[in-house]
Amino acid sequence: MKKGLIILLAVLGVVVIIGAYALSLYNNFVKADETVKQQWAQVETQYQRRYDLIPNLVETVKGIMKQEQAVFGEIAQARTHYANAASTEEKVNATNEVESALGRLLVIIENYPELKSAESVQTLMAQLEGTENRISVERKRFNDSVALFNLMVKRFPEKFFAGLFGFKEKSYFQAVSGAQTAPEVKF
């Protein structure tokens, strides 16, 4: 009788330890998942800051640069795509469109010394540069949080529990192919 009770208590103890471990892992997954979501929200906050600045930059530059109306149209269209994007992937694609159009606009501004020296353009460019730096920092933080989450999902024994709890690897923010090449502007 005592032997059976000891075995039962030992089995019960092991089950309680495994249950406590699983509960702890679940809470860690939830925390890491929320961190990833929070970091993505920070990226979106910086995108919003950029999109709020873009109309000011465009309006300031538009009057001086009548011949570059195509770039302004691309920027406006990309902003519209972002506003209508439903998923993270659609937002990333729309953001990449904006970055490409902004890159072309920045090259154009560099080629117009009178525009580059205008105080309002300088101020807006500094604001835009600061925003781009903030976006870069937030993207890095997002990718760092995704890396930590994915590490949890891939490690053993967490991998087993991640599958049981329904947690899957998350996607990193990645630049579009060709992003390393500066945009080309032809006159």
N, C-alpha and C. Protein backbone atom coordinates (compact mmCIF):
# COMPACT_ATOMS: atom_id res chain seq x y z
N MET A 1 0.82 -1.19 0.00
CA MET A 1 0.00 0.00 0.00
C MET A 1 0.87 1.26 0.00
N LYS A 2 1.89 1.29 0.86
CA LYS A 2 2.76 2.44 0.94
C LYS A 2 3.52 2.63 -0.37
N LYS A 3 3.94 1.54 -0.96
CA LYS A 3 4.68 1.62 -2.21
C LYS A 3 3.81 2.22 -3.32
N GLY A 4 2.57 1.83 -3.39
CA GLY A 4 1.63 2.35 -4.39
C GLY A 4 1.36 3.83 -4.17
N LEU A 5 1.24 4.24 -2.92
CA LEU A 5 1.01 5.64 -2.59
C LEU A 5 2.22 6.50 -2.96
N ILE A 6 3.41 5.97 -2.70
CA ILE A 6 4.64 6.69 -3.05
C ILE A 6 4.74 6.85 -4.56
N ILE A 7 4.44 5.80 -5.31
CA ILE A 7 4.48 5.87 -6.77
C ILE A 7 3.44 6.86 -7.28
N LEU A 8 2.24 6.83 -6.72
CA LEU A 8 1.18 7.75 -7.11
C LEU A 8 1.58 9.20 -6.83
N LEU A 9 2.16 9.44 -5.66
CA LEU A 9 2.61 10.79 -5.31
C LEU A 9 3.75 11.25 -6.22
N ALA A 10 4.64 10.34 -6.56
CA ALA A 10 5.75 10.67 -7.45
C ALA A 10 5.22 11.04 -8.84
N VAL A 11 4.30 10.24 -9.37
CA VAL A 11 3.71 10.50 -10.67
C VAL A 11 2.94 11.83 -10.64
N LEU A 12 2.19 12.04 -9.57
CA LEU A 12 1.45 13.28 -9.41
C LEU A 12 2.41 14.48 -9.32
N GLY A 13 3.51 14.32 -8.63
CA GLY A 13 4.52 15.38 -8.53
C GLY A 13 5.11 15.71 -9.89
N VAL A 14 5.43 14.68 -10.68
CA VAL A 14 5.98 14.90 -12.02
C VAL A 14 4.94 15.62 -12.89
N VAL A 15 3.68 15.23 -12.81
CA VAL A 15 2.63 15.87 -13.59
C VAL A 15 2.49 17.34 -13.18
N VAL A 16 2.53 17.62 -11.89
CA VAL A 16 2.43 19.00 -11.41
C VAL A 16 3.63 19.82 -11.90
N ILE A 17 4.81 19.26 -11.87
CA ILE A 17 6.01 19.97 -12.33
C ILE A 17 5.92 20.25 -13.83
N ILE A 18 5.51 19.26 -14.61
CA ILE A 18 5.36 19.45 -16.05
C ILE A 18 4.26 20.48 -16.33
N GLY A 19 3.18 20.41 -15.59
CA GLY A 19 2.08 21.38 -15.76
C GLY A 19 2.53 22.79 -15.44
N ALA A 20 3.28 22.94 -14.35
CA ALA A 20 3.79 24.26 -13.97
C ALA A 20 4.76 24.78 -15.03
N TYR A 21 5.60 23.89 -15.55
CA TYR A 21 6.55 24.27 -16.59
C TYR A 21 5.79 24.70 -17.85
N ALA A 22 4.77 23.95 -18.23
CA ALA A 22 3.98 24.27 -19.42
C ALA A 22 3.26 25.61 -19.23
N LEU A 23 2.73 25.85 -18.06
CA LEU A 23 2.06 27.11 -17.77
C LEU A 23 3.04 28.27 -17.86
N SER A 24 4.21 28.09 -17.33
CA SER A 24 5.25 29.11 -17.39
C SER A 24 5.65 29.38 -18.84
N LEU A 25 5.83 28.32 -19.62
CA LEU A 25 6.17 28.49 -21.04
C LEU A 25 5.06 29.22 -21.79
N TYR A 26 3.82 28.85 -21.52
CA TYR A 26 2.70 29.51 -22.18
C TYR A 26 2.72 31.00 -21.90
N ASN A 27 2.91 31.36 -20.64
CA ASN A 27 2.97 32.78 -20.28
C ASN A 27 4.14 33.48 -20.96
N ASN A 28 5.27 32.81 -21.09
CA ASN A 28 6.41 33.39 -21.79
C ASN A 28 6.11 33.60 -23.28
N PHE A 29 5.41 32.63 -23.89
CA PHE A 29 5.02 32.78 -25.29
C PHE A 29 4.08 33.97 -25.47
N VAL A 30 3.11 34.09 -24.57
CA VAL A 30 2.16 35.20 -24.65
C VAL A 30 2.90 36.53 -24.51
N LYS A 31 3.81 36.59 -23.56
CA LYS A 31 4.57 37.83 -23.36
C LYS A 31 5.40 38.17 -24.59
N ALA A 32 6.08 37.19 -25.16
CA ALA A 32 6.91 37.41 -26.35
C ALA A 32 6.04 37.80 -27.55
N ASP A 33 4.88 37.17 -27.67
CA ASP A 33 3.96 37.49 -28.76
C ASP A 33 3.48 38.93 -28.64
N GLU A 34 3.14 39.36 -27.45
CA GLU A 34 2.71 40.73 -27.22
C GLU A 34 3.84 41.72 -27.48
N THR A 35 5.05 41.35 -27.15
CA THR A 35 6.20 42.21 -27.43
C THR A 35 6.35 42.43 -28.93
N VAL A 36 6.20 41.37 -29.71
CA VAL A 36 6.27 41.49 -31.17
C VAL A 36 5.17 42.42 -31.67
N LYS A 37 3.96 42.24 -31.17
CA LYS A 37 2.85 43.10 -31.58
C LYS A 37 3.10 44.56 -31.20
N GLN A 38 3.63 44.76 -30.00
CA GLN A 38 3.92 46.11 -29.54
C GLN A 38 4.98 46.76 -30.42
N GLN A 39 6.02 46.01 -30.77
CA GLN A 39 7.08 46.56 -31.62
C GLN A 39 6.54 46.89 -33.01
N TRP A 40 5.65 46.06 -33.53
CA TRP A 40 5.07 46.38 -34.84
C TRP A 40 4.24 47.65 -34.73
N ALA A 41 3.54 47.84 -33.63
CA ALA A 41 2.77 49.07 -33.43
C ALA A 41 3.70 50.28 -33.43
N GLN A 42 4.88 50.14 -32.87
CA GLN A 42 5.85 51.23 -32.88
C GLN A 42 6.32 51.54 -34.31
N VAL A 43 6.52 50.50 -35.10
CA VAL A 43 6.89 50.71 -36.50
C VAL A 43 5.77 51.47 -37.21
N GLU A 44 4.53 51.05 -36.98
CA GLU A 44 3.39 51.73 -37.61
C GLU A 44 3.25 53.17 -37.14
N THR A 45 3.56 53.43 -35.89
CA THR A 45 3.52 54.81 -35.38
C THR A 45 4.48 55.69 -36.16
N GLN A 46 5.67 55.18 -36.41
CA GLN A 46 6.65 55.95 -37.17
C GLN A 46 6.24 56.08 -38.64
N TYR A 47 5.60 55.05 -39.19
CA TYR A 47 5.07 55.16 -40.55
C TYR A 47 4.03 56.27 -40.60
N GLN A 48 3.17 56.33 -39.60
CA GLN A 48 2.14 57.35 -39.57
C GLN A 48 2.77 58.74 -39.51
N ARG A 49 3.82 58.86 -38.72
CA ARG A 49 4.53 60.15 -38.64
C ARG A 49 5.04 60.53 -40.02
N ARG A 50 5.61 59.56 -40.72
CA ARG A 50 6.11 59.81 -42.07
C ARG A 50 4.97 60.24 -42.98
N TYR A 51 3.85 59.53 -42.94
CA TYR A 51 2.75 59.83 -43.82
C TYR A 51 2.11 61.18 -43.50
N ASP A 52 2.21 61.61 -42.27
CA ASP A 52 1.73 62.94 -41.92
C ASP A 52 2.66 64.03 -42.46
N LEU A 53 3.94 63.74 -42.54
CA LEU A 53 4.92 64.71 -43.05
C LEU A 53 4.92 64.81 -44.58
N ILE A 54 4.65 63.72 -45.24
CA ILE A 54 4.76 63.66 -46.69
C ILE A 54 3.91 64.73 -47.39
N PRO A 55 2.64 64.92 -47.02
CA PRO A 55 1.86 65.95 -47.73
C PRO A 55 2.50 67.34 -47.61
N ASN A 56 3.06 67.65 -46.45
CA ASN A 56 3.72 68.95 -46.28
C ASN A 56 4.92 69.08 -47.19
N LEU A 57 5.72 68.04 -47.25
CA LEU A 57 6.90 68.06 -48.12
C LEU A 57 6.47 68.19 -49.58
N VAL A 58 5.49 67.41 -49.96
CA VAL A 58 5.04 67.43 -51.35
C VAL A 58 4.49 68.81 -51.72
N GLU A 59 3.67 69.39 -50.87
CA GLU A 59 3.10 70.70 -51.18
C GLU A 59 4.17 71.78 -51.25
N THR A 60 5.18 71.68 -50.40
CA THR A 60 6.27 72.66 -50.41
C THR A 60 7.06 72.58 -51.70
N VAL A 61 7.29 71.39 -52.15
CA VAL A 61 8.15 71.17 -53.30
C VAL A 61 7.38 71.25 -54.62
N LYS A 62 6.12 70.94 -54.58
CA LYS A 62 5.31 70.83 -55.79
C LYS A 62 5.33 72.09 -56.66
N GLY A 63 5.16 73.22 -56.06
CA GLY A 63 5.09 74.46 -56.83
C GLY A 63 6.36 74.76 -57.58
N ILE A 64 7.50 74.37 -57.05
CA ILE A 64 8.78 74.66 -57.68
C ILE A 64 9.09 73.65 -58.78
N MET A 65 8.54 72.47 -58.68
CA MET A 65 8.95 71.37 -59.55
C MET A 65 7.79 70.85 -60.39
N LYS A 66 7.28 71.65 -61.25
CA LYS A 66 6.14 71.25 -62.08
C LYS A 66 6.43 70.01 -62.92
N GLN A 67 7.67 69.89 -63.38
CA GLN A 67 7.99 68.79 -64.28
C GLN A 67 8.10 67.44 -63.57
N GLU A 68 8.06 67.42 -62.25
CA GLU A 68 8.23 66.16 -61.51
C GLU A 68 6.90 65.65 -60.93
N GLN A 69 5.81 65.98 -61.57
CA GLN A 69 4.49 65.62 -61.05
C GLN A 69 4.31 64.10 -60.92
N ALA A 70 4.98 63.31 -61.74
CA ALA A 70 4.84 61.85 -61.67
C ALA A 70 5.28 61.33 -60.30
N VAL A 71 6.35 61.88 -59.74
CA VAL A 71 6.84 61.43 -58.43
C VAL A 71 5.79 61.73 -57.36
N PHE A 72 5.17 62.92 -57.45
CA PHE A 72 4.15 63.28 -56.47
C PHE A 72 2.95 62.35 -56.56
N GLY A 73 2.61 61.98 -57.78
CA GLY A 73 1.51 61.02 -57.96
C GLY A 73 1.83 59.67 -57.36
N GLU A 74 3.06 59.21 -57.53
CA GLU A 74 3.48 57.93 -56.96
C GLU A 74 3.42 57.96 -55.43
N ILE A 75 3.86 59.07 -54.85
CA ILE A 75 3.83 59.20 -53.39
C ILE A 75 2.39 59.17 -52.89
N ALA A 76 1.53 59.92 -53.55
CA ALA A 76 0.12 59.95 -53.14
C ALA A 76 -0.52 58.57 -53.28
N GLN A 77 -0.21 57.88 -54.37
CA GLN A 77 -0.77 56.55 -54.59
C GLN A 77 -0.27 55.56 -53.53
N ALA A 78 1.01 55.63 -53.19
CA ALA A 78 1.57 54.74 -52.17
C ALA A 78 0.95 55.01 -50.81
N ARG A 79 0.72 56.28 -50.49
CA ARG A 79 0.06 56.62 -49.22
C ARG A 79 -1.34 56.03 -49.18
N THR A 80 -2.05 56.10 -50.31
CA THR A 80 -3.39 55.53 -50.39
C THR A 80 -3.34 54.02 -50.20
N HIS A 81 -2.36 53.36 -50.81
CA HIS A 81 -2.22 51.90 -50.63
C HIS A 81 -2.01 51.56 -49.17
N TYR A 82 -1.18 52.36 -48.48
CA TYR A 82 -0.92 52.11 -47.07
C TYR A 82 -2.20 52.29 -46.25
N ALA A 83 -2.94 53.35 -46.53
CA ALA A 83 -4.16 53.63 -45.78
C ALA A 83 -5.19 52.51 -45.96
N ASN A 84 -5.19 51.88 -47.13
CA ASN A 84 -6.15 50.82 -47.42
C ASN A 84 -5.63 49.42 -47.09
N ALA A 85 -4.39 49.31 -46.67
CA ALA A 85 -3.80 47.99 -46.38
C ALA A 85 -4.45 47.38 -45.14
N ALA A 86 -4.77 46.11 -45.24
CA ALA A 86 -5.43 45.42 -44.13
C ALA A 86 -4.45 44.58 -43.33
N SER A 87 -3.49 43.99 -43.99
CA SER A 87 -2.57 43.08 -43.31
C SER A 87 -1.20 43.73 -43.16
N THR A 88 -0.39 43.14 -42.30
CA THR A 88 0.97 43.62 -42.10
C THR A 88 1.75 43.54 -43.41
N GLU A 89 1.57 42.47 -44.15
CA GLU A 89 2.28 42.29 -45.42
C GLU A 89 1.89 43.37 -46.42
N GLU A 90 0.61 43.70 -46.51
CA GLU A 90 0.16 44.76 -47.41
C GLU A 90 0.75 46.11 -46.99
N LYS A 91 0.83 46.34 -45.67
CA LYS A 91 1.40 47.60 -45.16
C LYS A 91 2.89 47.68 -45.49
N VAL A 92 3.59 46.57 -45.35
CA VAL A 92 5.02 46.55 -45.69
C VAL A 92 5.20 46.86 -47.17
N ASN A 93 4.39 46.25 -48.02
CA ASN A 93 4.50 46.50 -49.47
C ASN A 93 4.20 47.96 -49.80
N ALA A 94 3.17 48.53 -49.17
CA ALA A 94 2.84 49.93 -49.42
C ALA A 94 3.95 50.84 -48.91
N THR A 95 4.52 50.49 -47.79
CA THR A 95 5.63 51.27 -47.24
C THR A 95 6.83 51.24 -48.17
N ASN A 96 7.09 50.10 -48.75
CA ASN A 96 8.19 49.99 -49.71
C ASN A 96 7.94 50.87 -50.94
N GLU A 97 6.67 50.99 -51.37
CA GLU A 97 6.34 51.88 -52.48
C GLU A 97 6.66 53.33 -52.10
N VAL A 98 6.27 53.72 -50.89
CA VAL A 98 6.53 55.09 -50.43
C VAL A 98 8.02 55.35 -50.38
N GLU A 99 8.78 54.39 -49.82
CA GLU A 99 10.22 54.58 -49.71
C GLU A 99 10.86 54.74 -51.08
N SER A 100 10.40 54.00 -52.04
CA SER A 100 10.95 54.11 -53.39
C SER A 100 10.66 55.49 -53.98
N ALA A 101 9.41 55.95 -53.87
CA ALA A 101 9.05 57.26 -54.40
C ALA A 101 9.77 58.38 -53.65
N LEU A 102 9.88 58.26 -52.35
CA LEU A 102 10.61 59.27 -51.57
C LEU A 102 12.08 59.31 -51.96
N GLY A 103 12.65 58.16 -52.24
CA GLY A 103 14.03 58.10 -52.68
C GLY A 103 14.23 58.89 -53.96
N ARG A 104 13.30 58.73 -54.91
CA ARG A 104 13.39 59.48 -56.16
C ARG A 104 13.22 60.98 -55.91
N LEU A 105 12.32 61.33 -54.99
CA LEU A 105 12.10 62.74 -54.67
C LEU A 105 13.36 63.35 -54.03
N LEU A 106 13.99 62.61 -53.16
CA LEU A 106 15.20 63.12 -52.51
C LEU A 106 16.32 63.35 -53.52
N VAL A 107 16.44 62.47 -54.50
CA VAL A 107 17.44 62.66 -55.55
C VAL A 107 17.11 63.91 -56.35
N ILE A 108 15.84 64.12 -56.64
CA ILE A 108 15.43 65.30 -57.39
C ILE A 108 15.78 66.56 -56.60
N ILE A 109 15.49 66.56 -55.31
CA ILE A 109 15.79 67.73 -54.48
C ILE A 109 17.29 68.02 -54.48
N GLU A 110 18.09 66.98 -54.43
CA GLU A 110 19.54 67.16 -54.48
C GLU A 110 19.98 67.85 -55.77
N ASN A 111 19.23 67.64 -56.85
CA ASN A 111 19.59 68.20 -58.15
C ASN A 111 19.07 69.62 -58.36
N TYR A 112 18.30 70.14 -57.41
CA TYR A 112 17.78 71.50 -57.50
C TYR A 112 18.33 72.32 -56.35
N PRO A 113 19.46 73.00 -56.54
CA PRO A 113 20.07 73.76 -55.44
C PRO A 113 19.15 74.82 -54.85
N GLU A 114 18.35 75.50 -55.71
CA GLU A 114 17.46 76.54 -55.16
C GLU A 114 16.38 75.93 -54.28
N LEU A 115 15.96 74.73 -54.59
CA LEU A 115 14.96 74.04 -53.78
C LEU A 115 15.60 73.54 -52.49
N LYS A 116 16.77 72.97 -52.62
CA LYS A 116 17.48 72.42 -51.47
C LYS A 116 17.77 73.50 -50.43
N SER A 117 17.98 74.74 -50.88
CA SER A 117 18.33 75.81 -49.95
C SER A 117 17.09 76.47 -49.33
N ALA A 118 15.91 76.19 -49.81
CA ALA A 118 14.69 76.78 -49.24
C ALA A 118 14.53 76.29 -47.80
N GLU A 119 14.29 77.24 -46.89
CA GLU A 119 14.22 76.92 -45.46
C GLU A 119 13.11 75.90 -45.15
N SER A 120 11.95 76.07 -45.76
CA SER A 120 10.85 75.14 -45.48
C SER A 120 11.19 73.73 -45.95
N VAL A 121 11.87 73.63 -47.08
CA VAL A 121 12.27 72.31 -47.58
C VAL A 121 13.31 71.71 -46.65
N GLN A 122 14.27 72.53 -46.22
CA GLN A 122 15.29 72.03 -45.29
C GLN A 122 14.66 71.49 -44.01
N THR A 123 13.71 72.23 -43.48
CA THR A 123 13.05 71.80 -42.24
C THR A 123 12.31 70.49 -42.45
N LEU A 124 11.54 70.42 -43.54
CA LEU A 124 10.79 69.20 -43.81
C LEU A 124 11.72 68.02 -44.09
N MET A 125 12.82 68.28 -44.79
CA MET A 125 13.77 67.21 -45.07
C MET A 125 14.39 66.69 -43.77
N ALA A 126 14.72 67.61 -42.86
CA ALA A 126 15.27 67.19 -41.57
C ALA A 126 14.25 66.36 -40.80
N GLN A 127 12.99 66.77 -40.84
CA GLN A 127 11.93 66.01 -40.19
C GLN A 127 11.80 64.62 -40.83
N LEU A 128 11.84 64.60 -42.14
CA LEU A 128 11.71 63.32 -42.84
C LEU A 128 12.90 62.42 -42.54
N GLU A 129 14.09 62.99 -42.53
CA GLU A 129 15.29 62.21 -42.20
C GLU A 129 15.19 61.64 -40.78
N GLY A 130 14.75 62.47 -39.85
CA GLY A 130 14.57 61.99 -38.48
C GLY A 130 13.55 60.87 -38.40
N THR A 131 12.49 61.01 -39.15
CA THR A 131 11.46 59.96 -39.18
C THR A 131 12.01 58.67 -39.76
N GLU A 132 12.78 58.79 -40.84
CA GLU A 132 13.37 57.59 -41.45
C GLU A 132 14.31 56.89 -40.46
N ASN A 133 15.05 57.66 -39.69
CA ASN A 133 15.93 57.07 -38.67
C ASN A 133 15.10 56.37 -37.60
N ARG A 134 14.01 57.00 -37.18
CA ARG A 134 13.14 56.37 -36.18
C ARG A 134 12.54 55.08 -36.71
N ILE A 135 12.12 55.10 -37.97
CA ILE A 135 11.56 53.90 -38.58
C ILE A 135 12.60 52.78 -38.58
N SER A 136 13.82 53.13 -38.95
CA SER A 136 14.90 52.15 -38.98
C SER A 136 15.12 51.53 -37.59
N VAL A 137 15.13 52.37 -36.58
CA VAL A 137 15.32 51.88 -35.20
C VAL A 137 14.16 50.96 -34.80
N GLU A 138 12.94 51.37 -35.10
CA GLU A 138 11.78 50.56 -34.72
C GLU A 138 11.72 49.25 -35.50
N ARG A 139 12.13 49.27 -36.77
CA ARG A 139 12.18 48.02 -37.53
C ARG A 139 13.18 47.06 -36.91
N LYS A 140 14.33 47.59 -36.49
CA LYS A 140 15.34 46.75 -35.86
C LYS A 140 14.79 46.16 -34.56
N ARG A 141 14.13 46.98 -33.77
CA ARG A 141 13.54 46.48 -32.52
C ARG A 141 12.48 45.42 -32.80
N PHE A 142 11.68 45.66 -33.84
CA PHE A 142 10.68 44.67 -34.23
C PHE A 142 11.36 43.35 -34.60
N ASN A 143 12.38 43.42 -35.44
CA ASN A 143 13.08 42.21 -35.85
C ASN A 143 13.76 41.54 -34.66
N ASP A 144 14.28 42.32 -33.71
CA ASP A 144 14.87 41.73 -32.50
C ASP A 144 13.82 40.97 -31.70
N SER A 145 12.63 41.55 -31.55
CA SER A 145 11.58 40.86 -30.80
C SER A 145 11.10 39.63 -31.54
N VAL A 146 11.04 39.68 -32.87
CA VAL A 146 10.67 38.51 -33.67
C VAL A 146 11.73 37.42 -33.49
N ALA A 147 13.00 37.81 -33.48
CA ALA A 147 14.08 36.83 -33.31
C ALA A 147 13.96 36.12 -31.97
N LEU A 148 13.69 36.87 -30.91
CA LEU A 148 13.53 36.24 -29.59
C LEU A 148 12.33 35.30 -29.56
N PHE A 149 11.22 35.75 -30.16
CA PHE A 149 10.03 34.91 -30.21
C PHE A 149 10.31 33.64 -31.01
N ASN A 150 10.90 33.79 -32.19
CA ASN A 150 11.18 32.62 -33.04
C ASN A 150 12.16 31.66 -32.37
N LEU A 151 13.09 32.19 -31.61
CA LEU A 151 14.02 31.35 -30.87
C LEU A 151 13.26 30.49 -29.86
N MET A 152 12.31 31.10 -29.19
CA MET A 152 11.49 30.34 -28.24
C MET A 152 10.71 29.23 -28.95
N VAL A 153 10.17 29.57 -30.11
CA VAL A 153 9.34 28.61 -30.85
C VAL A 153 10.18 27.45 -31.39
N LYS A 154 11.46 27.69 -31.66
CA LYS A 154 12.31 26.67 -32.28
C LYS A 154 13.07 25.80 -31.28
N ARG A 155 13.34 26.31 -30.08
CA ARG A 155 14.15 25.56 -29.12
C ARG A 155 13.38 24.38 -28.54
N PHE A 156 14.13 23.36 -28.18
CA PHE A 156 13.55 22.22 -27.50
C PHE A 156 13.71 22.44 -26.01
N PRO A 157 12.75 22.17 -25.20
CA PRO A 157 11.43 21.58 -25.43
C PRO A 157 10.34 22.60 -25.75
N GLU A 158 10.69 23.90 -25.80
CA GLU A 158 9.68 24.91 -26.08
C GLU A 158 8.96 24.65 -27.40
N LYS A 159 9.69 24.10 -28.37
CA LYS A 159 9.12 23.83 -29.68
C LYS A 159 7.89 22.93 -29.55
N PHE A 160 7.99 21.93 -28.71
CA PHE A 160 6.87 21.01 -28.49
C PHE A 160 5.66 21.75 -27.93
N PHE A 161 5.90 22.57 -26.93
CA PHE A 161 4.81 23.29 -26.29
C PHE A 161 4.26 24.41 -27.20
N ALA A 162 5.13 25.04 -27.98
CA ALA A 162 4.67 26.09 -28.90
C ALA A 162 3.64 25.51 -29.87
N GLY A 163 3.93 24.31 -30.39
CA GLY A 163 2.98 23.66 -31.28
C GLY A 163 1.67 23.35 -30.58
N LEU A 164 1.76 22.88 -29.34
CA LEU A 164 0.54 22.57 -28.58
C LEU A 164 -0.30 23.82 -28.32
N PHE A 165 0.37 24.94 -28.06
CA PHE A 165 -0.34 26.18 -27.74
C PHE A 165 -0.72 26.98 -28.97
N GLY A 166 -0.27 26.54 -30.15
CA GLY A 166 -0.63 27.23 -31.40
C GLY A 166 0.25 28.41 -31.76
N PHE A 167 1.44 28.51 -31.16
CA PHE A 167 2.36 29.59 -31.51
C PHE A 167 3.25 29.14 -32.66
N LYS A 168 3.37 30.00 -33.68
CA LYS A 168 4.18 29.69 -34.86
C LYS A 168 5.20 30.80 -35.06
N GLU A 169 6.22 30.49 -35.85
CA GLU A 169 7.24 31.48 -36.18
C GLU A 169 6.60 32.71 -36.79
N LYS A 170 7.21 33.86 -36.54
CA LYS A 170 6.74 35.12 -37.11
C LYS A 170 7.72 35.57 -38.18
N SER A 171 7.23 36.39 -39.10
CA SER A 171 8.06 36.88 -40.20
C SER A 171 8.81 38.14 -39.78
N TYR A 172 10.03 38.23 -40.24
CA TYR A 172 10.84 39.42 -40.03
C TYR A 172 10.42 40.50 -41.01
N PHE A 173 10.71 41.74 -40.66
CA PHE A 173 10.58 42.82 -41.63
C PHE A 173 11.79 42.73 -42.54
N GLN A 174 11.56 42.65 -43.84
CA GLN A 174 12.66 42.56 -44.79
C GLN A 174 12.48 43.61 -45.87
N ALA A 175 13.57 44.18 -46.28
CA ALA A 175 13.55 45.16 -47.36
C ALA A 175 13.22 44.44 -48.67
N VAL A 176 12.64 45.18 -49.57
CA VAL A 176 12.33 44.59 -50.87
C VAL A 176 13.63 44.40 -51.64
N SER A 177 13.61 43.47 -52.57
CA SER A 177 14.82 43.26 -53.36
C SER A 177 15.11 44.51 -54.17
N GLY A 178 16.36 44.87 -54.24
CA GLY A 178 16.77 46.06 -54.97
C GLY A 178 16.81 47.31 -54.09
N ALA A 179 16.43 47.19 -52.82
CA ALA A 179 16.40 48.36 -51.92
C ALA A 179 17.79 48.91 -51.69
N GLN A 180 18.81 48.09 -51.88
CA GLN A 180 20.18 48.55 -51.66
C GLN A 180 20.67 49.45 -52.79
N THR A 181 19.94 49.51 -53.90
CA THR A 181 20.31 50.34 -55.03
C THR A 181 19.61 51.69 -54.95
N ALA A 182 20.37 52.75 -55.09
CA ALA A 182 19.78 54.10 -55.04
C ALA A 182 18.87 54.31 -56.24
N PRO A 183 17.77 55.03 -56.04
CA PRO A 183 16.86 55.28 -57.17
C PRO A 183 17.53 56.16 -58.21
N GLU A 184 17.15 55.95 -59.46
CA GLU A 184 17.74 56.70 -60.56
C GLU A 184 16.69 57.70 -61.06
N VAL A 185 17.10 58.93 -61.23
CA VAL A 185 16.22 59.96 -61.74
C VAL A 185 16.80 60.47 -63.05
N LYS A 186 15.98 60.49 -64.08
CA LYS A 186 16.44 60.97 -65.39
C LYS A 186 15.63 62.21 -65.77
N PHE A 187 16.30 63.16 -66.33
CA PHE A 187 15.64 64.38 -66.79
C PHE A 187 15.59 64.41 -68.29
